[in-house]
Amino acid sequence: MNDPDRREALLDAATGPIELVGVAVRDAAKRRKGIPKHLLTTDVAGLVANDDLDILVELAGGIKPARSTSRRPFATGSRSSPPTRR
């Protein structure tokens, strides 16, 4: 990383607290252990468009809609982190 300002901003962000702002799911009525119910949504597009979203972690399988969903945040400057597949 050649830009020292960007490097410093990333380091500050990486060492700060992480707040979960939403979890997109197929069925919001299904209980998810450890995830507060108010964070569950079936509105993927609305979650991705959320101004509070800084990092998107995509855990969906397949190519569609996971690929198009994980690309959307780049238009707004958010970061997307697809999972490592084995």
PDB file of N, CA and C in Angstrom:
ATOM      1  N   MET A   1       0.858  -1.166   0.000  1.00  0.00           N
ATOM      2  CA  MET A   1       0.000   0.000   0.000  1.00  0.00           C
ATOM      3  C   MET A   1       0.899   1.223   0.000  1.00  0.00           C
ATOM      4  N   ASN A   2       0.823   2.020  -1.061  1.00  0.00           N
ATOM      5  CA  ASN A   2       1.728   3.152  -1.231  1.00  0.00           C
ATOM      6  C   ASN A   2       1.210   4.455  -0.651  1.00  0.00           C
ATOM      7  N   ASP A   3      -0.097   4.595  -0.475  1.00  0.00           N
ATOM      8  CA  ASP A   3      -0.674   5.842   0.027  1.00  0.00           C
ATOM      9  C   ASP A   3      -0.684   5.813   1.560  1.00  0.00           C
ATOM     10  N   PRO A   4       0.186   6.618   2.221  1.00  0.00           N
ATOM     11  CA  PRO A   4       0.262   6.571   3.680  1.00  0.00           C
ATOM     12  C   PRO A   4      -1.030   6.997   4.374  1.00  0.00           C
ATOM     13  N   ASP A   5      -1.777   7.932   3.791  1.00  0.00           N
ATOM     14  CA  ASP A   5      -3.050   8.358   4.389  1.00  0.00           C
ATOM     15  C   ASP A   5      -4.061   7.214   4.371  1.00  0.00           C
ATOM     16  N   ARG A   6      -4.140   6.522   3.251  1.00  0.00           N
ATOM     17  CA  ARG A   6      -5.071   5.395   3.139  1.00  0.00           C
ATOM     18  C   ARG A   6      -4.650   4.265   4.075  1.00  0.00           C
ATOM     19  N   ARG A   7      -3.347   4.030   4.143  1.00  0.00           N
ATOM     20  CA  ARG A   7      -2.841   2.989   5.036  1.00  0.00           C
ATOM     21  C   ARG A   7      -3.218   3.302   6.479  1.00  0.00           C
ATOM     22  N   GLU A   8      -3.037   4.539   6.896  1.00  0.00           N
ATOM     23  CA  GLU A   8      -3.370   4.939   8.266  1.00  0.00           C
ATOM     24  C   GLU A   8      -4.870   4.801   8.536  1.00  0.00           C
ATOM     25  N   ALA A   9      -5.697   5.193   7.564  1.00  0.00           N
ATOM     26  CA  ALA A   9      -7.152   5.074   7.715  1.00  0.00           C
ATOM     27  C   ALA A   9      -7.563   3.609   7.847  1.00  0.00           C
ATOM     28  N   LEU A  10      -6.952   2.734   7.064  1.00  0.00           N
ATOM     29  CA  LEU A  10      -7.268   1.308   7.145  1.00  0.00           C
ATOM     30  C   LEU A  10      -6.832   0.714   8.479  1.00  0.00           C
ATOM     31  N   LEU A  11      -5.677   1.120   8.963  1.00  0.00           N
ATOM     32  CA  LEU A  11      -5.219   0.633  10.264  1.00  0.00           C
ATOM     33  C   LEU A  11      -6.139   1.096  11.382  1.00  0.00           C
ATOM     34  N   ASP A  12      -6.563   2.355  11.323  1.00  0.00           N
ATOM     35  CA  ASP A  12      -7.504   2.871  12.328  1.00  0.00           C
ATOM     36  C   ASP A  12      -8.810   2.087  12.295  1.00  0.00           C
ATOM     37  N   ALA A  13      -9.316   1.839  11.103  1.00  0.00           N
ATOM     38  CA  ALA A  13     -10.580   1.105  10.960  1.00  0.00           C
ATOM     39  C   ALA A  13     -10.435  -0.343  11.421  1.00  0.00           C
ATOM     40  N   ALA A  14      -9.297  -0.942  11.144  1.00  0.00           N
ATOM     41  CA  ALA A  14      -9.086  -2.346  11.490  1.00  0.00           C
ATOM     42  C   ALA A  14      -8.959  -2.557  12.995  1.00  0.00           C
ATOM     43  N   THR A  15      -8.518  -1.549  13.708  1.00  0.00           N
ATOM     44  CA  THR A  15      -8.329  -1.708  15.146  1.00  0.00           C
ATOM     45  C   THR A  15      -9.507  -1.178  15.949  1.00  0.00           C
ATOM     46  N   GLY A  16     -10.509  -0.650  15.267  1.00  0.00           N
ATOM     47  CA  GLY A  16     -11.694  -0.138  15.938  1.00  0.00           C
ATOM     48  C   GLY A  16     -12.714  -1.243  16.145  1.00  0.00           C
ATOM     49  N   PRO A  17     -13.751  -0.925  16.900  1.00  0.00           N
ATOM     50  CA  PRO A  17     -14.790  -1.940  17.133  1.00  0.00           C
ATOM     51  C   PRO A  17     -15.578  -2.234  15.854  1.00  0.00           C
ATOM     52  N   ILE A  18     -16.053  -3.443  15.745  1.00  0.00           N
ATOM     53  CA  ILE A  18     -16.877  -3.848  14.607  1.00  0.00           C
ATOM     54  C   ILE A  18     -18.309  -3.968  15.094  1.00  0.00           C
ATOM     55  N   GLU A  19     -19.220  -3.320  14.377  1.00  0.00           N
ATOM     56  CA  GLU A  19     -20.639  -3.363  14.730  1.00  0.00           C
ATOM     57  C   GLU A  19     -21.406  -4.044  13.603  1.00  0.00           C
ATOM     58  N   LEU A  20     -22.119  -5.074  13.934  1.00  0.00           N
ATOM     59  CA  LEU A  20     -22.951  -5.780  12.969  1.00  0.00           C
ATOM     60  C   LEU A  20     -24.218  -4.961  12.750  1.00  0.00           C
ATOM     61  N   VAL A  21     -24.471  -4.536  11.501  1.00  0.00           N
ATOM     62  CA  VAL A  21     -25.641  -3.689  11.221  1.00  0.00           C
ATOM     63  C   VAL A  21     -26.773  -4.451  10.552  1.00  0.00           C
ATOM     64  N   GLY A  22     -26.521  -5.673  10.093  1.00  0.00           N
ATOM     65  CA  GLY A  22     -27.594  -6.446   9.480  1.00  0.00           C
ATOM     66  C   GLY A  22     -27.103  -7.783   8.960  1.00  0.00           C
ATOM     67  N   VAL A  23     -28.051  -8.699   8.827  1.00  0.00           N
ATOM     68  CA  VAL A  23     -27.764 -10.020   8.291  1.00  0.00           C
ATOM     69  C   VAL A  23     -28.877 -10.370   7.311  1.00  0.00           C
ATOM     70  N   ALA A  24     -28.524 -10.518   6.045  1.00  0.00           N
ATOM     71  CA  ALA A  24     -29.520 -10.886   5.038  1.00  0.00           C
ATOM     72  C   ALA A  24     -29.701 -12.409   5.054  1.00  0.00           C
ATOM     73  N   VAL A  25     -30.941 -12.833   5.132  1.00  0.00           N
ATOM     74  CA  VAL A  25     -31.272 -14.254   5.208  1.00  0.00           C
ATOM     75  C   VAL A  25     -32.467 -14.556   4.297  1.00  0.00           C
ATOM     76  N   ARG A  26     -32.658 -15.819   3.977  1.00  0.00           N
ATOM     77  CA  ARG A  26     -33.830 -16.214   3.193  1.00  0.00           C
ATOM     78  C   ARG A  26     -35.106 -16.167   4.018  1.00  0.00           C
ATOM     79  N   ASP A  27     -34.999 -16.555   5.295  1.00  0.00           N
ATOM     80  CA  ASP A  27     -36.163 -16.654   6.164  1.00  0.00           C
ATOM     81  C   ASP A  27     -35.878 -15.911   7.474  1.00  0.00           C
ATOM     82  N   ALA A  28     -36.396 -14.696   7.604  1.00  0.00           N
ATOM     83  CA  ALA A  28     -36.145 -13.874   8.791  1.00  0.00           C
ATOM     84  C   ALA A  28     -36.857 -14.417  10.024  1.00  0.00           C
ATOM     85  N   ALA A  29     -37.842 -15.280   9.854  1.00  0.00           N
ATOM     86  CA  ALA A  29     -38.568 -15.848  10.985  1.00  0.00           C
ATOM     87  C   ALA A  29     -37.791 -16.988  11.646  1.00  0.00           C
ATOM     88  N   LYS A  30     -36.851 -17.571  10.924  1.00  0.00           N
ATOM     89  CA  LYS A  30     -36.055 -18.676  11.464  1.00  0.00           C
ATOM     90  C   LYS A  30     -35.067 -18.141  12.498  1.00  0.00           C
ATOM     91  N   ARG A  31     -35.001 -18.816  13.643  1.00  0.00           N
ATOM     92  CA  ARG A  31     -34.096 -18.381  14.716  1.00  0.00           C
ATOM     93  C   ARG A  31     -32.652 -18.666  14.334  1.00  0.00           C
ATOM     94  N   ARG A  32     -31.787 -17.672  14.617  1.00  0.00           N
ATOM     95  CA  ARG A  32     -30.351 -17.835  14.395  1.00  0.00           C
ATOM     96  C   ARG A  32     -29.650 -17.617  15.727  1.00  0.00           C
ATOM     97  N   LYS A  33     -29.006 -18.631  16.236  1.00  0.00           N
ATOM     98  CA  LYS A  33     -28.346 -18.541  17.533  1.00  0.00           C
ATOM     99  C   LYS A  33     -27.264 -17.456  17.511  1.00  0.00           C
ATOM    100  N   GLY A  34     -27.346 -16.533  18.462  1.00  0.00           N
ATOM    101  CA  GLY A  34     -26.333 -15.503  18.610  1.00  0.00           C
ATOM    102  C   GLY A  34     -26.551 -14.257  17.776  1.00  0.00           C
ATOM    103  N   ILE A  35     -27.592 -14.231  16.957  1.00  0.00           N
ATOM    104  CA  ILE A  35     -27.871 -13.049  16.127  1.00  0.00           C
ATOM    105  C   ILE A  35     -29.199 -12.452  16.568  1.00  0.00           C
ATOM    106  N   PRO A  36     -29.183 -11.197  17.049  1.00  0.00           N
ATOM    107  CA  PRO A  36     -30.431 -10.563  17.468  1.00  0.00           C
ATOM    108  C   PRO A  36     -31.431 -10.498  16.313  1.00  0.00           C
ATOM    109  N   LYS A  37     -32.689 -10.785  16.615  1.00  0.00           N
ATOM    110  CA  LYS A  37     -33.744 -10.857  15.592  1.00  0.00           C
ATOM    111  C   LYS A  37     -33.874  -9.550  14.798  1.00  0.00           C
ATOM    112  N   HIS A  38     -33.657  -8.398  15.448  1.00  0.00           N
ATOM    113  CA  HIS A  38     -33.828  -7.117  14.752  1.00  0.00           C
ATOM    114  C   HIS A  38     -32.772  -6.887  13.660  1.00  0.00           C
ATOM    115  N   LEU A  39     -31.704  -7.674  13.636  1.00  0.00           N
ATOM    116  CA  LEU A  39     -30.681  -7.542  12.601  1.00  0.00           C
ATOM    117  C   LEU A  39     -30.979  -8.363  11.354  1.00  0.00           C
ATOM    118  N   LEU A  40     -31.919  -9.300  11.452  1.00  0.00           N
ATOM    119  CA  LEU A  40     -32.250 -10.172  10.324  1.00  0.00           C
ATOM    120  C   LEU A  40     -33.155  -9.470   9.325  1.00  0.00           C
ATOM    121  N   THR A  41     -32.850  -9.633   8.051  1.00  0.00           N
ATOM    122  CA  THR A  41     -33.668  -9.045   6.992  1.00  0.00           C
ATOM    123  C   THR A  41     -33.640  -9.939   5.761  1.00  0.00           C
ATOM    124  N   THR A  42     -34.707  -9.895   4.994  1.00  0.00           N
ATOM    125  CA  THR A  42     -34.732 -10.580   3.701  1.00  0.00           C
ATOM    126  C   THR A  42     -34.453  -9.588   2.565  1.00  0.00           C
ATOM    127  N   ASP A  43     -34.284  -8.330   2.915  1.00  0.00           N
ATOM    128  CA  ASP A  43     -34.044  -7.258   1.936  1.00  0.00           C
ATOM    129  C   ASP A  43     -32.540  -7.080   1.701  1.00  0.00           C
ATOM    130  N   VAL A  44     -31.979  -7.917   0.839  1.00  0.00           N
ATOM    131  CA  VAL A  44     -30.545  -7.869   0.558  1.00  0.00           C
ATOM    132  C   VAL A  44     -30.149  -6.515  -0.029  1.00  0.00           C
ATOM    133  N   ALA A  45     -30.908  -6.038  -1.004  1.00  0.00           N
ATOM    134  CA  ALA A  45     -30.574  -4.763  -1.656  1.00  0.00           C
ATOM    135  C   ALA A  45     -30.599  -3.612  -0.648  1.00  0.00           C
ATOM    136  N   GLY A  46     -31.568  -3.614   0.251  1.00  0.00           N
ATOM    137  CA  GLY A  46     -31.655  -2.568   1.261  1.00  0.00           C
ATOM    138  C   GLY A  46     -30.485  -2.610   2.227  1.00  0.00           C
ATOM    139  N   LEU A  47     -30.068  -3.801   2.592  1.00  0.00           N
ATOM    140  CA  LEU A  47     -28.928  -3.938   3.500  1.00  0.00           C
ATOM    141  C   LEU A  47     -27.644  -3.454   2.828  1.00  0.00           C
ATOM    142  N   VAL A  48     -27.450  -3.853   1.595  1.00  0.00           N
ATOM    143  CA  VAL A  48     -26.247  -3.452   0.862  1.00  0.00           C
ATOM    144  C   VAL A  48     -26.213  -1.941   0.635  1.00  0.00           C
ATOM    145  N   ALA A  49     -27.373  -1.314   0.481  1.00  0.00           N
ATOM    146  CA  ALA A  49     -27.446   0.128   0.258  1.00  0.00           C
ATOM    147  C   ALA A  49     -27.345   0.935   1.554  1.00  0.00           C
ATOM    148  N   ASN A  50     -27.317   0.271   2.710  1.00  0.00           N
ATOM    149  CA  ASN A  50     -27.267   0.922   4.016  1.00  0.00           C
ATOM    150  C   ASN A  50     -26.013   1.791   4.134  1.00  0.00           C
ATOM    151  N   ASP A  51     -26.184   3.066   4.478  1.00  0.00           N
ATOM    152  CA  ASP A  51     -25.058   3.985   4.620  1.00  0.00           C
ATOM    153  C   ASP A  51     -24.130   3.607   5.772  1.00  0.00           C
ATOM    154  N   ASP A  52     -24.623   2.834   6.736  1.00  0.00           N
ATOM    155  CA  ASP A  52     -23.795   2.414   7.866  1.00  0.00           C
ATOM    156  C   ASP A  52     -22.898   1.225   7.516  1.00  0.00           C
ATOM    157  N   LEU A  53     -23.065   0.664   6.331  1.00  0.00           N
ATOM    158  CA  LEU A  53     -22.308  -0.509   5.917  1.00  0.00           C
ATOM    159  C   LEU A  53     -20.921  -0.101   5.433  1.00  0.00           C
ATOM    160  N   ASP A  54     -19.894  -0.599   6.092  1.00  0.00           N
ATOM    161  CA  ASP A  54     -18.520  -0.356   5.664  1.00  0.00           C
ATOM    162  C   ASP A  54     -17.892  -1.606   5.066  1.00  0.00           C
ATOM    163  N   ILE A  55     -18.276  -2.755   5.587  1.00  0.00           N
ATOM    164  CA  ILE A  55     -17.728  -4.033   5.127  1.00  0.00           C
ATOM    165  C   ILE A  55     -18.879  -4.999   4.884  1.00  0.00           C
ATOM    166  N   LEU A  56     -18.851  -5.645   3.731  1.00  0.00           N
ATOM    167  CA  LEU A  56     -19.843  -6.673   3.413  1.00  0.00           C
ATOM    168  C   LEU A  56     -19.113  -8.005   3.365  1.00  0.00           C
ATOM    169  N   VAL A  57     -19.578  -8.951   4.141  1.00  0.00           N
ATOM    170  CA  VAL A  57     -19.025 -10.302   4.111  1.00  0.00           C
ATOM    171  C   VAL A  57     -20.086 -11.191   3.499  1.00  0.00           C
ATOM    172  N   GLU A  58     -19.771 -11.755   2.341  1.00  0.00           N
ATOM    173  CA  GLU A  58     -20.727 -12.574   1.603  1.00  0.00           C
ATOM    174  C   GLU A  58     -20.460 -14.034   1.910  1.00  0.00           C
ATOM    175  N   LEU A  59     -21.485 -14.706   2.416  1.00  0.00           N
ATOM    176  CA  LEU A  59     -21.356 -16.121   2.753  1.00  0.00           C
ATOM    177  C   LEU A  59     -22.325 -16.983   1.961  1.00  0.00           C
ATOM    178  N   ALA A  60     -22.954 -16.416   0.946  1.00  0.00           N
ATOM    179  CA  ALA A  60     -23.918 -17.146   0.130  1.00  0.00           C
ATOM    180  C   ALA A  60     -23.188 -18.042  -0.856  1.00  0.00           C
ATOM    181  N   GLY A  61     -23.805 -19.147  -1.182  1.00  0.00           N
ATOM    182  CA  GLY A  61     -23.215 -20.056  -2.145  1.00  0.00           C
ATOM    183  C   GLY A  61     -23.705 -19.770  -3.550  1.00  0.00           C
ATOM    184  N   GLY A  62     -23.058 -20.331  -4.517  1.00  0.00           N
ATOM    185  CA  GLY A  62     -23.464 -20.167  -5.912  1.00  0.00           C
ATOM    186  C   GLY A  62     -22.986 -18.856  -6.501  1.00  0.00           C
ATOM    187  N   ILE A  63     -23.390 -18.612  -7.730  1.00  0.00           N
ATOM    188  CA  ILE A  63     -22.960 -17.395  -8.423  1.00  0.00           C
ATOM    189  C   ILE A  63     -24.037 -16.320  -8.366  1.00  0.00           C
ATOM    190  N   LYS A  64     -25.302 -16.699  -8.601  1.00  0.00           N
ATOM    191  CA  LYS A  64     -26.386 -15.720  -8.561  1.00  0.00           C
ATOM    192  C   LYS A  64     -27.281 -16.047  -7.396  1.00  0.00           C
ATOM    193  N   PRO A  65     -27.689 -15.122  -6.583  1.00  0.00           N
ATOM    194  CA  PRO A  65     -27.436 -13.692  -6.629  1.00  0.00           C
ATOM    195  C   PRO A  65     -26.185 -13.257  -5.877  1.00  0.00           C
ATOM    196  N   ALA A  66     -25.409 -14.187  -5.316  1.00  0.00           N
ATOM    197  CA  ALA A  66     -24.260 -13.817  -4.489  1.00  0.00           C
ATOM    198  C   ALA A  66     -23.285 -12.889  -5.217  1.00  0.00           C
ATOM    199  N   ARG A  67     -22.975 -13.177  -6.455  1.00  0.00           N
ATOM    200  CA  ARG A  67     -21.998 -12.372  -7.191  1.00  0.00           C
ATOM    201  C   ARG A  67     -22.477 -10.938  -7.379  1.00  0.00           C
ATOM    202  N   SER A  68     -23.708 -10.762  -7.846  1.00  0.00           N
ATOM    203  CA  SER A  68     -24.208  -9.406  -8.078  1.00  0.00           C
ATOM    204  C   SER A  68     -24.375  -8.648  -6.761  1.00  0.00           C
ATOM    205  N   THR A  69     -24.761  -9.347  -5.704  1.00  0.00           N
ATOM    206  CA  THR A  69     -24.926  -8.707  -4.402  1.00  0.00           C
ATOM    207  C   THR A  69     -23.587  -8.246  -3.847  1.00  0.00           C
ATOM    208  N   SER A  70     -22.575  -9.087  -3.953  1.00  0.00           N
ATOM    209  CA  SER A  70     -21.281  -8.721  -3.390  1.00  0.00           C
ATOM    210  C   SER A  70     -20.573  -7.650  -4.207  1.00  0.00           C
ATOM    211  N   ARG A  71     -20.955  -7.438  -5.450  1.00  0.00           N
ATOM    212  CA  ARG A  71     -20.353  -6.372  -6.265  1.00  0.00           C
ATOM    213  C   ARG A  71     -21.000  -5.010  -6.030  1.00  0.00           C
ATOM    214  N   ARG A  72     -22.248  -4.999  -5.592  1.00  0.00           N
ATOM    215  CA  ARG A  72     -22.989  -3.752  -5.400  1.00  0.00           C
ATOM    216  C   ARG A  72     -22.303  -2.734  -4.484  1.00  0.00           C
ATOM    217  N   PRO A  73     -21.732  -3.148  -3.350  1.00  0.00           N
ATOM    218  CA  PRO A  73     -21.136  -2.163  -2.439  1.00  0.00           C
ATOM    219  C   PRO A  73     -19.955  -1.398  -3.015  1.00  0.00           C
ATOM    220  N   PHE A  74     -19.267  -1.965  -3.997  1.00  0.00           N
ATOM    221  CA  PHE A  74     -18.128  -1.268  -4.562  1.00  0.00           C
ATOM    222  C   PHE A  74     -18.533   0.051  -5.208  1.00  0.00           C
ATOM    223  N   ALA A  75     -19.748   0.137  -5.678  1.00  0.00           N
ATOM    224  CA  ALA A  75     -20.250   1.378  -6.266  1.00  0.00           C
ATOM    225  C   ALA A  75     -20.398   2.476  -5.210  1.00  0.00           C
ATOM    226  N   THR A  76     -20.564   2.077  -3.940  1.00  0.00           N
ATOM    227  CA  THR A  76     -20.733   3.056  -2.870  1.00  0.00           C
ATOM    228  C   THR A  76     -19.485   3.211  -2.018  1.00  0.00           C
ATOM    229  N   GLY A  77     -18.403   2.519  -2.376  1.00  0.00           N
ATOM    230  CA  GLY A  77     -17.153   2.656  -1.646  1.00  0.00           C
ATOM    231  C   GLY A  77     -16.982   1.698  -0.487  1.00  0.00           C
ATOM    232  N   SER A  78     -17.924   0.788  -0.277  1.00  0.00           N
ATOM    233  CA  SER A  78     -17.784  -0.195   0.798  1.00  0.00           C
ATOM    234  C   SER A  78     -16.827  -1.290   0.355  1.00  0.00           C
ATOM    235  N   ARG A  79     -16.383  -2.081   1.297  1.00  0.00           N
ATOM    236  CA  ARG A  79     -15.510  -3.200   0.999  1.00  0.00           C
ATOM    237  C   ARG A  79     -16.302  -4.486   1.089  1.00  0.00           C
ATOM    238  N   SER A  80     -15.998  -5.424   0.211  1.00  0.00           N
ATOM    239  CA  SER A  80     -16.673  -6.709   0.208  1.00  0.00           C
ATOM    240  C   SER A  80     -15.636  -7.791   0.436  1.00  0.00           C
ATOM    241  N   SER A  81     -15.952  -8.753   1.279  1.00  0.00           N
ATOM    242  CA  SER A  81     -15.022  -9.823   1.570  1.00  0.00           C
ATOM    243  C   SER A  81     -15.698 -11.171   1.311  1.00  0.00           C
ATOM    244  N   PRO A  82     -15.483 -11.738   0.128  1.00  0.00           N
ATOM    245  CA  PRO A  82     -16.073 -13.050  -0.130  1.00  0.00           C
ATOM    246  C   PRO A  82     -15.362 -14.110   0.687  1.00  0.00           C
ATOM    247  N   PRO A  83     -16.043 -15.160   1.052  1.00  0.00           N
ATOM    248  CA  PRO A  83     -15.411 -16.198   1.864  1.00  0.00           C
ATOM    249  C   PRO A  83     -14.413 -17.007   1.050  1.00  0.00           C
ATOM    250  N   THR A  84     -13.496 -17.641   1.729  1.00  0.00           N
ATOM    251  CA  THR A  84     -12.565 -18.545   1.072  1.00  0.00           C
ATOM    252  C   THR A  84     -13.258 -19.886   0.914  1.00  0.00           C
ATOM    253  N   ARG A  85     -13.274 -20.405  -0.275  1.00  0.00           N
ATOM    254  CA  ARG A  85     -13.927 -21.682  -0.546  1.00  0.00           C
ATOM    255  C   ARG A  85     -12.861 -22.766  -0.670  1.00  0.00           C
ATOM    256  N   ARG A  86     -13.168 -23.931  -0.144  1.00  0.00           N
ATOM    257  CA  ARG A  86     -12.203 -25.047  -0.230  1.00  0.00           C
ATOM    258  C   ARG A  86     -12.786 -26.182  -1.002  1.00  0.00           C
TER     259      ARG A  86
END
